[in-house]
């Protein structure tokens, strides 16, 4: 059986990704999968649509389970509520064939991805700063 080079690449990327990169991969995968669900809906392919809805739902469940609710405070709770809403819209799109539900889920995930990319970029800029030459000046 021949393996798909893209799947091998993605598997390697996931295995060596930082936690921040994993969230980016999940957002991108969910957006791509919902695009496939929309295409399946337009083509009248219920089997493919159900498969893509299942994949997108699994990604949202992974995002929900990865939230650090103990330490994330209000932000984690708000993300949980948003992820739950997106998950319900994905499932609604799958069960009713409502393309607008898929569109809304994609828009929300794209907004989250854009914000996450800004956070990731800011974190990268902070980590690329030279180390403090006087670490004893800080109590942490």
C-alpha atoms as a PDB file:
ATOM      1  CA  UNK A   1       0.000   0.000   0.000  1.00  0.00           C
ATOM      2  CA  UNK A   2       1.392   3.351  -1.026  1.00  0.00           C
ATOM      3  CA  UNK A   3       1.469   6.148   1.550  1.00  0.00           C
ATOM      4  CA  UNK A   4       0.382   9.690   0.862  1.00  0.00           C
ATOM      5  CA  UNK A   5       3.390  12.060   1.039  1.00  0.00           C
ATOM      6  CA  UNK A   6       1.188  14.875   2.380  1.00  0.00           C
ATOM      7  CA  UNK A   7      -0.028  12.665   5.244  1.00  0.00           C
ATOM      8  CA  UNK A   8       3.581  11.750   6.056  1.00  0.00           C
ATOM      9  CA  UNK A   9       4.540  15.431   6.024  1.00  0.00           C
ATOM     10  CA  UNK A  10       1.600  16.380   8.251  1.00  0.00           C
ATOM     11  CA  UNK A  11       2.322  13.561  10.691  1.00  0.00           C
ATOM     12  CA  UNK A  12       5.951  14.654  10.979  1.00  0.00           C
ATOM     13  CA  UNK A  13       4.902  18.284  11.379  1.00  0.00           C
ATOM     14  CA  UNK A  14       2.500  17.382  14.188  1.00  0.00           C
ATOM     15  CA  UNK A  15       5.022  15.163  15.983  1.00  0.00           C
ATOM     16  CA  UNK A  16       7.616  17.933  16.139  1.00  0.00           C
ATOM     17  CA  UNK A  17       5.286  20.913  16.617  1.00  0.00           C
ATOM     18  CA  UNK A  18       5.260  23.094  19.692  1.00  0.00           C
ATOM     19  CA  UNK A  19       1.951  23.419  21.565  1.00  0.00           C
ATOM     20  CA  UNK A  20       1.405  26.799  19.906  1.00  0.00           C
ATOM     21  CA  UNK A  21       2.037  25.305  16.463  1.00  0.00           C
ATOM     22  CA  UNK A  22      -0.387  22.465  17.212  1.00  0.00           C
ATOM     23  CA  UNK A  23      -3.226  24.927  17.800  1.00  0.00           C
ATOM     24  CA  UNK A  24      -2.410  26.579  14.466  1.00  0.00           C
ATOM     25  CA  UNK A  25      -2.471  23.178  12.750  1.00  0.00           C
ATOM     26  CA  UNK A  26      -5.836  22.379  14.352  1.00  0.00           C
ATOM     27  CA  UNK A  27      -7.382  25.692  13.282  1.00  0.00           C
ATOM     28  CA  UNK A  28      -6.087  25.302   9.723  1.00  0.00           C
ATOM     29  CA  UNK A  29      -7.265  21.689   9.535  1.00  0.00           C
ATOM     30  CA  UNK A  30     -10.739  22.581  10.803  1.00  0.00           C
ATOM     31  CA  UNK A  31     -11.075  25.391   8.256  1.00  0.00           C
ATOM     32  CA  UNK A  32      -9.891  23.151   5.428  1.00  0.00           C
ATOM     33  CA  UNK A  33     -12.175  20.301   6.504  1.00  0.00           C
ATOM     34  CA  UNK A  34     -15.192  22.600   6.659  1.00  0.00           C
ATOM     35  CA  UNK A  35     -14.361  23.790   3.148  1.00  0.00           C
ATOM     36  CA  UNK A  36     -14.505  20.154   2.042  1.00  0.00           C
ATOM     37  CA  UNK A  37     -17.827  19.739   3.868  1.00  0.00           C
ATOM     38  CA  UNK A  38     -19.196  22.716   1.951  1.00  0.00           C
ATOM     39  CA  UNK A  39     -17.993  21.242  -1.336  1.00  0.00           C
ATOM     40  CA  UNK A  40     -19.630  17.924  -0.458  1.00  0.00           C
ATOM     41  CA  UNK A  41     -22.857  19.722   0.407  1.00  0.00           C
ATOM     42  CA  UNK A  42     -22.839  21.576  -2.922  1.00  0.00           C
ATOM     43  CA  UNK A  43     -22.168  18.304  -4.770  1.00  0.00           C
ATOM     44  CA  UNK A  44     -24.971  16.521  -2.929  1.00  0.00           C
ATOM     45  CA  UNK A  45     -22.538  13.971  -1.491  1.00  0.00           C
ATOM     46  CA  UNK A  46     -24.030  13.227   1.932  1.00  0.00           C
ATOM     47  CA  UNK A  47     -21.485  10.529   2.763  1.00  0.00           C
ATOM     48  CA  UNK A  48     -18.519  12.814   2.177  1.00  0.00           C
ATOM     49  CA  UNK A  49     -20.245  15.669   4.001  1.00  0.00           C
ATOM     50  CA  UNK A  50     -20.823  13.431   7.037  1.00  0.00           C
ATOM     51  CA  UNK A  51     -17.171  12.320   7.004  1.00  0.00           C
ATOM     52  CA  UNK A  52     -15.906  15.918   6.888  1.00  0.00           C
ATOM     53  CA  UNK A  53     -18.346  17.043   9.582  1.00  0.00           C
ATOM     54  CA  UNK A  54     -17.042  14.204  11.760  1.00  0.00           C
ATOM     55  CA  UNK A  55     -13.455  15.302  11.179  1.00  0.00           C
ATOM     56  CA  UNK A  56     -14.213  18.953  11.889  1.00  0.00           C
ATOM     57  CA  UNK A  57     -16.138  17.969  15.028  1.00  0.00           C
ATOM     58  CA  UNK A  58     -13.207  15.852  16.226  1.00  0.00           C
ATOM     59  CA  UNK A  59     -10.875  18.818  15.767  1.00  0.00           C
ATOM     60  CA  UNK A  60     -13.152  21.079  17.807  1.00  0.00           C
ATOM     61  CA  UNK A  61     -13.387  18.436  20.519  1.00  0.00           C
ATOM     62  CA  UNK A  62      -9.576  18.273  20.591  1.00  0.00           C
ATOM     63  CA  UNK A  63      -9.421  22.067  20.974  1.00  0.00           C
ATOM     64  CA  UNK A  64     -11.976  21.895  23.806  1.00  0.00           C
ATOM     65  CA  UNK A  65     -10.086  19.126  25.608  1.00  0.00           C
ATOM     66  CA  UNK A  66      -6.769  20.929  25.276  1.00  0.00           C
ATOM     67  CA  UNK A  67      -7.977  24.046  27.082  1.00  0.00           C
ATOM     68  CA  UNK A  68      -6.276  24.573  30.441  1.00  0.00           C
ATOM     69  CA  UNK A  69      -9.388  25.605  32.304  1.00  0.00           C
ATOM     70  CA  UNK A  70      -7.668  25.417  35.693  1.00  0.00           C
ATOM     71  CA  UNK A  71      -5.100  28.053  34.776  1.00  0.00           C
ATOM     72  CA  UNK A  72      -6.698  29.772  31.777  1.00  0.00           C
ATOM     73  CA  UNK A  73      -9.225  31.770  33.754  1.00  0.00           C
ATOM     74  CA  UNK A  74     -11.918  33.695  31.958  1.00  0.00           C
ATOM     75  CA  UNK A  75     -10.192  33.431  28.575  1.00  0.00           C
ATOM     76  CA  UNK A  76     -10.313  29.626  28.690  1.00  0.00           C
ATOM     77  CA  UNK A  77     -13.983  29.720  29.692  1.00  0.00           C
ATOM     78  CA  UNK A  78     -14.823  32.096  26.842  1.00  0.00           C
ATOM     79  CA  UNK A  79     -12.934  29.928  24.360  1.00  0.00           C
ATOM     80  CA  UNK A  80     -14.802  26.890  25.655  1.00  0.00           C
ATOM     81  CA  UNK A  81     -18.112  28.638  25.018  1.00  0.00           C
ATOM     82  CA  UNK A  82     -17.011  29.706  21.530  1.00  0.00           C
ATOM     83  CA  UNK A  83     -15.693  26.254  20.622  1.00  0.00           C
ATOM     84  CA  UNK A  84     -18.956  24.726  21.842  1.00  0.00           C
ATOM     85  CA  UNK A  85     -20.933  27.159  19.670  1.00  0.00           C
ATOM     86  CA  UNK A  86     -18.769  26.414  16.620  1.00  0.00           C
ATOM     87  CA  UNK A  87     -19.165  22.682  17.227  1.00  0.00           C
ATOM     88  CA  UNK A  88     -22.947  23.047  17.358  1.00  0.00           C
ATOM     89  CA  UNK A  89     -22.925  25.058  14.099  1.00  0.00           C
ATOM     90  CA  UNK A  90     -20.804  22.393  12.392  1.00  0.00           C
ATOM     91  CA  UNK A  91     -23.194  19.681  13.513  1.00  0.00           C
ATOM     92  CA  UNK A  92     -26.180  21.759  12.458  1.00  0.00           C
ATOM     93  CA  UNK A  93     -24.650  22.233   9.022  1.00  0.00           C
ATOM     94  CA  UNK A  94     -24.103  18.504   8.785  1.00  0.00           C
ATOM     95  CA  UNK A  95     -27.551  17.416   9.872  1.00  0.00           C
ATOM     96  CA  UNK A  96     -29.651  20.063   8.122  1.00  0.00           C
ATOM     97  CA  UNK A  97     -27.463  20.788   5.102  1.00  0.00           C
ATOM     98  CA  UNK A  98     -27.291  24.448   6.154  1.00  0.00           C
ATOM     99  CA  UNK A  99     -24.309  25.877   4.279  1.00  0.00           C
ATOM    100  CA  UNK A 100     -24.536  29.124   6.252  1.00  0.00           C
ATOM    101  CA  UNK A 101     -23.697  27.186   9.425  1.00  0.00           C
ATOM    102  CA  UNK A 102     -20.467  25.987   7.780  1.00  0.00           C
ATOM    103  CA  UNK A 103     -19.698  29.515   6.559  1.00  0.00           C
ATOM    104  CA  UNK A 104     -20.160  30.941  10.055  1.00  0.00           C
ATOM    105  CA  UNK A 105     -17.964  28.238  11.603  1.00  0.00           C
ATOM    106  CA  UNK A 106     -15.233  28.939   9.036  1.00  0.00           C
ATOM    107  CA  UNK A 107     -15.440  32.687   9.702  1.00  0.00           C
ATOM    108  CA  UNK A 108     -15.160  32.199  13.463  1.00  0.00           C
ATOM    109  CA  UNK A 109     -12.255  29.782  13.131  1.00  0.00           C
ATOM    110  CA  UNK A 110     -10.494  32.138  10.705  1.00  0.00           C
ATOM    111  CA  UNK A 111     -10.853  34.985  13.203  1.00  0.00           C
ATOM    112  CA  UNK A 112      -9.464  32.753  15.963  1.00  0.00           C
ATOM    113  CA  UNK A 113      -6.586  31.688  13.696  1.00  0.00           C
ATOM    114  CA  UNK A 114      -5.747  35.301  12.871  1.00  0.00           C
ATOM    115  CA  UNK A 115      -5.683  36.188  16.569  1.00  0.00           C
ATOM    116  CA  UNK A 116      -3.664  33.083  17.392  1.00  0.00           C
ATOM    117  CA  UNK A 117      -1.138  33.955  14.689  1.00  0.00           C
ATOM    118  CA  UNK A 118      -0.700  37.384  16.277  1.00  0.00           C
ATOM    119  CA  UNK A 119      -0.155  35.808  19.702  1.00  0.00           C
ATOM    120  CA  UNK A 120       2.315  33.311  18.238  1.00  0.00           C
ATOM    121  CA  UNK A 121       4.199  36.061  16.442  1.00  0.00           C
ATOM    122  CA  UNK A 122       4.351  38.190  19.589  1.00  0.00           C
ATOM    123  CA  UNK A 123       5.579  35.204  21.614  1.00  0.00           C
ATOM    124  CA  UNK A 124       8.236  34.530  18.985  1.00  0.00           C
ATOM    125  CA  UNK A 125       9.395  38.119  19.148  1.00  0.00           C
ATOM    126  CA  UNK A 126       9.663  37.921  22.912  1.00  0.00           C
ATOM    127  CA  UNK A 127      11.620  34.681  22.832  1.00  0.00           C
ATOM    128  CA  UNK A 128      14.022  36.050  20.236  1.00  0.00           C
ATOM    129  CA  UNK A 129      15.027  38.927  22.491  1.00  0.00           C
ATOM    130  CA  UNK A 130      18.539  38.654  23.904  1.00  0.00           C
ATOM    131  CA  UNK A 131      18.741  37.108  27.356  1.00  0.00           C
ATOM    132  CA  UNK A 132      18.794  39.596  30.215  1.00  0.00           C
ATOM    133  CA  UNK A 133      22.428  40.196  31.191  1.00  0.00           C
ATOM    134  CA  UNK A 134      21.330  40.894  34.799  1.00  0.00           C
ATOM    135  CA  UNK A 135      18.974  38.061  35.759  1.00  0.00           C
ATOM    136  CA  UNK A 136      19.656  38.530  39.484  1.00  0.00           C
ATOM    137  CA  UNK A 137      17.741  41.824  39.330  1.00  0.00           C
ATOM    138  CA  UNK A 138      14.461  39.947  39.083  1.00  0.00           C
ATOM    139  CA  UNK A 139      12.821  37.908  41.795  1.00  0.00           C
ATOM    140  CA  UNK A 140      11.151  35.428  39.474  1.00  0.00           C
END
